[in-house]
PDB file of N, CA and C in Angstrom:
ATOM      1  N   MET A   1     175.105  72.508   6.021  1.00  0.00           N
ATOM      2  CA  MET A   1     176.014  72.826   4.796  1.00  0.00           C
ATOM      3  C   MET A   1     177.618  73.065   4.219  1.00  0.00           C
ATOM      4  N   LEU A   2     176.680  75.152   4.994  1.00  0.00           N
ATOM      5  CA  LEU A   2     178.211  75.267   4.716  1.00  0.00           C
ATOM      6  C   LEU A   2     179.894  74.658   5.563  1.00  0.00           C
ATOM      7  N   GLU A   3     179.437  74.222   5.871  1.00  0.00           N
ATOM      8  CA  GLU A   3     180.953  73.063   6.461  1.00  0.00           C
ATOM      9  C   GLU A   3     181.050  72.062   5.864  1.00  0.00           C
ATOM     10  N   TYR A   4     179.834  71.531   4.683  1.00  0.00           N
ATOM     11  CA  TYR A   4     180.447  70.382   3.755  1.00  0.00           C
ATOM     12  C   TYR A   4     181.091  71.018   2.437  1.00  0.00           C
ATOM     13  N   ARG A   5     180.596  72.701   2.020  1.00  0.00           N
ATOM     14  CA  ARG A   5     181.206  73.056   1.572  1.00  0.00           C
ATOM     15  C   ARG A   5     182.827  73.678   1.669  1.00  0.00           C
ATOM     16  N   GLY A   6     183.166  73.708   2.935  1.00  0.00           N
ATOM     17  CA  GLY A   6     184.151  74.169   3.618  1.00  0.00           C
ATOM     18  C   GLY A   6     184.128  75.131   3.263  1.00  0.00           C
ATOM     19  N   LEU A   7     183.634  75.898   3.403  1.00  0.00           N
ATOM     20  CA  LEU A   7     183.075  77.970   4.026  1.00  0.00           C
ATOM     21  C   LEU A   7     183.492  77.318   5.062  1.00  0.00           C
ATOM     22  N   VAL A   8     182.615  77.577   6.394  1.00  0.00           N
ATOM     23  CA  VAL A   8     183.803  77.239   7.980  1.00  0.00           C
ATOM     24  C   VAL A   8     183.829  76.340   8.474  1.00  0.00           C
ATOM     25  N   HIS A   9     184.227  76.189   9.630  1.00  0.00           N
ATOM     26  CA  HIS A   9     184.770  74.790  10.321  1.00  0.00           C
ATOM     27  C   HIS A   9     183.779  75.335  11.808  1.00  0.00           C
ATOM     28  N   ALA A  10     182.972  74.267  12.235  1.00  0.00           N
ATOM     29  CA  ALA A  10     182.129  74.542  13.026  1.00  0.00           C
ATOM     30  C   ALA A  10     182.693  74.083  14.694  1.00  0.00           C
ATOM     31  N   LYS A  11     182.975  73.847  15.577  1.00  0.00           N
ATOM     32  CA  LYS A  11     183.448  73.313  16.983  1.00  0.00           C
ATOM     33  C   LYS A  11     182.216  73.814  18.064  1.00  0.00           C
ATOM     34  N   ARG A  12     181.622  73.038  18.778  1.00  0.00           N
ATOM     35  CA  ARG A  12     181.415  73.581  20.589  1.00  0.00           C
ATOM     36  C   ARG A  12     181.840  75.083  20.855  1.00  0.00           C
ATOM     37  N   GLY A  13     180.889  75.896  20.399  1.00  0.00           N
ATOM     38  CA  GLY A  13     181.257  77.048  21.378  1.00  0.00           C
ATOM     39  C   GLY A  13     181.534  77.873  19.868  1.00  0.00           C
ATOM     40  N   GLU A  14     181.725  77.832  18.435  1.00  0.00           N
ATOM     41  CA  GLU A  14     183.538  78.175  17.885  1.00  0.00           C
ATOM     42  C   GLU A  14     182.929  77.958  16.312  1.00  0.00           C
ATOM     43  N   ILE A  15     182.868  78.836  15.928  1.00  0.00           N
ATOM     44  CA  ILE A  15     182.181  79.454  13.936  1.00  0.00           C
ATOM     45  C   ILE A  15     183.255  80.284  13.581  1.00  0.00           C
ATOM     46  N   THR A  16     184.815  79.084  12.861  1.00  0.00           N
ATOM     47  CA  THR A  16     185.355  80.103  12.256  1.00  0.00           C
ATOM     48  C   THR A  16     184.544  80.201  10.618  1.00  0.00           C
ATOM     49  N   ILE A  17     185.757  81.045  10.625  1.00  0.00           N
ATOM     50  CA  ILE A  17     185.136  81.236   8.441  1.00  0.00           C
ATOM     51  C   ILE A  17     186.552  80.464   7.872  1.00  0.00           C
ATOM     52  N   ILE A  18     186.306  80.030   6.906  1.00  0.00           N
ATOM     53  CA  ILE A  18     187.547  79.090   6.442  1.00  0.00           C
ATOM     54  C   ILE A  18     187.814  79.778   5.152  1.00  0.00           C
ATOM     55  N   ASP A  19     186.086  79.828   4.142  1.00  0.00           N
ATOM     56  CA  ASP A  19     186.125  81.029   3.363  1.00  0.00           C
ATOM     57  C   ASP A  19     185.477  82.028   3.228  1.00  0.00           C
ATOM     58  N   ARG A  20     185.964  83.324   3.082  1.00  0.00           N
ATOM     59  CA  ARG A  20     184.897  84.635   3.376  1.00  0.00           C
ATOM     60  C   ARG A  20     184.925  84.906   2.478  1.00  0.00           C
ATOM     61  N   ALA A  21     185.070  84.902   1.199  1.00  0.00           N
ATOM     62  CA  ALA A  21     185.444  85.117  -0.582  1.00  0.00           C
ATOM     63  C   ALA A  21     183.948  84.537  -0.830  1.00  0.00           C
ATOM     64  N   GLY A  22     183.470  82.880  -0.233  1.00  0.00           N
ATOM     65  CA  GLY A  22     183.257  82.067  -0.863  1.00  0.00           C
ATOM     66  C   GLY A  22     181.440  81.325  -0.237  1.00  0.00           C
ATOM     67  N   LEU A  23     181.792  82.958   1.507  1.00  0.00           N
ATOM     68  CA  LEU A  23     180.935  83.204   1.997  1.00  0.00           C
ATOM     69  C   LEU A  23     180.112  83.486   1.174  1.00  0.00           C
ATOM     70  N   ILE A  24     180.543  84.949   0.615  1.00  0.00           N
ATOM     71  CA  ILE A  24     179.790  86.476   0.106  1.00  0.00           C
ATOM     72  C   ILE A  24     179.230  85.395  -1.622  1.00  0.00           C
ATOM     73  N   LYS A  25     180.152  85.034  -1.571  1.00  0.00           N
ATOM     74  CA  LYS A  25     179.282  84.406  -3.178  1.00  0.00           C
ATOM     75  C   LYS A  25     178.041  83.556  -2.781  1.00  0.00           C
ATOM     76  N   LEU A  26     178.382  82.762  -1.970  1.00  0.00           N
ATOM     77  CA  LEU A  26     177.123  81.675  -1.452  1.00  0.00           C
ATOM     78  C   LEU A  26     175.375  83.069  -1.588  1.00  0.00           C
ATOM     79  N   THR A  27     175.875  83.867  -1.147  1.00  0.00           N
ATOM     80  CA  THR A  27     174.970  84.540  -0.282  1.00  0.00           C
ATOM     81  C   THR A  27     175.310  85.496  -0.680  1.00  0.00           C
ATOM     82  N   HIS A  28     175.097  85.129  -1.970  1.00  0.00           N
ATOM     83  CA  HIS A  28     175.084  86.777  -3.057  1.00  0.00           C
ATOM     84  C   HIS A  28     175.540  87.778  -2.458  1.00  0.00           C
ATOM     85  N   GLY A  29     176.634  88.194  -1.612  1.00  0.00           N
ATOM     86  CA  GLY A  29     176.687  89.477  -0.900  1.00  0.00           C
ATOM     87  C   GLY A  29     176.066  89.971   0.046  1.00  0.00           C
ATOM     88  N   ALA A  30     174.944  88.927  -0.230  1.00  0.00           N
ATOM     89  CA  ALA A  30     174.025  89.820   1.497  1.00  0.00           C
ATOM     90  C   ALA A  30     175.236  88.666   2.604  1.00  0.00           C
ATOM     91  N   TYR A  31     175.769  88.215   2.886  1.00  0.00           N
ATOM     92  CA  TYR A  31     176.599  88.118   3.880  1.00  0.00           C
ATOM     93  C   TYR A  31     177.493  89.051   4.829  1.00  0.00           C
ATOM     94  N   ASP A  32     177.915  90.157   3.400  1.00  0.00           N
ATOM     95  CA  ASP A  32     179.605  90.871   3.788  1.00  0.00           C
ATOM     96  C   ASP A  32     178.751  92.070   3.637  1.00  0.00           C
ATOM     97  N   LYS A  33     176.894  92.360   3.215  1.00  0.00           N
ATOM     98  CA  LYS A  33     176.191  93.731   3.922  1.00  0.00           C
ATOM     99  C   LYS A  33     176.595  93.343   5.530  1.00  0.00           C
ATOM    100  N   GLU A  34     175.826  92.393   5.896  1.00  0.00           N
ATOM    101  CA  GLU A  34     175.086  92.059   7.340  1.00  0.00           C
ATOM    102  C   GLU A  34     176.776  91.457   8.134  1.00  0.00           C
ATOM    103  N   GLU A  35     178.064  91.525   7.572  1.00  0.00           N
ATOM    104  CA  GLU A  35     179.469  91.996   8.269  1.00  0.00           C
ATOM    105  C   GLU A  35     179.939  93.215   7.839  1.00  0.00           C
ATOM    106  N   GLN A  36     179.068  94.213   7.086  1.00  0.00           N
ATOM    107  CA  GLN A  36     179.838  95.339   7.680  1.00  0.00           C
ATOM    108  C   GLN A  36     178.736  96.295   8.662  1.00  0.00           C
ATOM    109  N   ARG A  37     177.484  95.797   7.930  1.00  0.00           N
ATOM    110  CA  ARG A  37     176.916  96.297   9.735  1.00  0.00           C
ATOM    111  C   ARG A  37     177.250  95.863  11.404  1.00  0.00           C
ATOM    112  N   TYR A  38     177.428  94.530  11.233  1.00  0.00           N
ATOM    113  CA  TYR A  38     177.827  93.926  12.322  1.00  0.00           C
ATOM    114  C   TYR A  38     179.406  95.113  13.345  1.00  0.00           C
ATOM    115  N   PHE A  39     180.115  95.504  12.225  1.00  0.00           N
ATOM    116  CA  PHE A  39     180.796  95.597  12.914  1.00  0.00           C
ATOM    117  C   PHE A  39     180.962  96.972  12.437  1.00  0.00           C
ATOM    118  N   GLY A  40     179.902  98.033  11.800  1.00  0.00           N
ATOM    119  CA  GLY A  40     180.228  99.101  11.270  1.00  0.00           C
ATOM    120  C   GLY A  40     180.796 100.055  10.944  1.00  0.00           C
ATOM    121  N   LEU A  41     181.204  99.051   9.611  1.00  0.00           N
ATOM    122  CA  LEU A  41     182.441  99.397   8.441  1.00  0.00           C
ATOM    123  C   LEU A  41     181.304 100.421   7.567  1.00  0.00           C
ATOM    124  N   ALA A  42     179.934  99.607   7.086  1.00  0.00           N
ATOM    125  CA  ALA A  42     179.303 100.540   6.623  1.00  0.00           C
ATOM    126  C   ALA A  42     179.219 102.353   6.703  1.00  0.00           C
ATOM    127  N   ALA A  43     179.580 102.982   5.871  1.00  0.00           N
ATOM    128  CA  ALA A  43     178.899 104.189   5.531  1.00  0.00           C
ATOM    129  C   ALA A  43     177.584 104.151   6.839  1.00  0.00           C
ATOM    130  N   ALA A  44     177.626 105.414   7.411  1.00  0.00           N
ATOM    131  CA  ALA A  44     175.919 105.464   8.104  1.00  0.00           C
ATOM    132  C   ALA A  44     175.027 106.478   7.310  1.00  0.00           C
TER     133      ALA A  44
END
């Protein structure tokens, strides 16, 4: 679904985000919050 919409490109062992803003919009901001938590970007 994400690849079909042009948001990501996937191949064996690798996922590349093509349209980060589109991914955030599709997930209603959930991706952005999780990304910040994963990379430690959110304020503690």
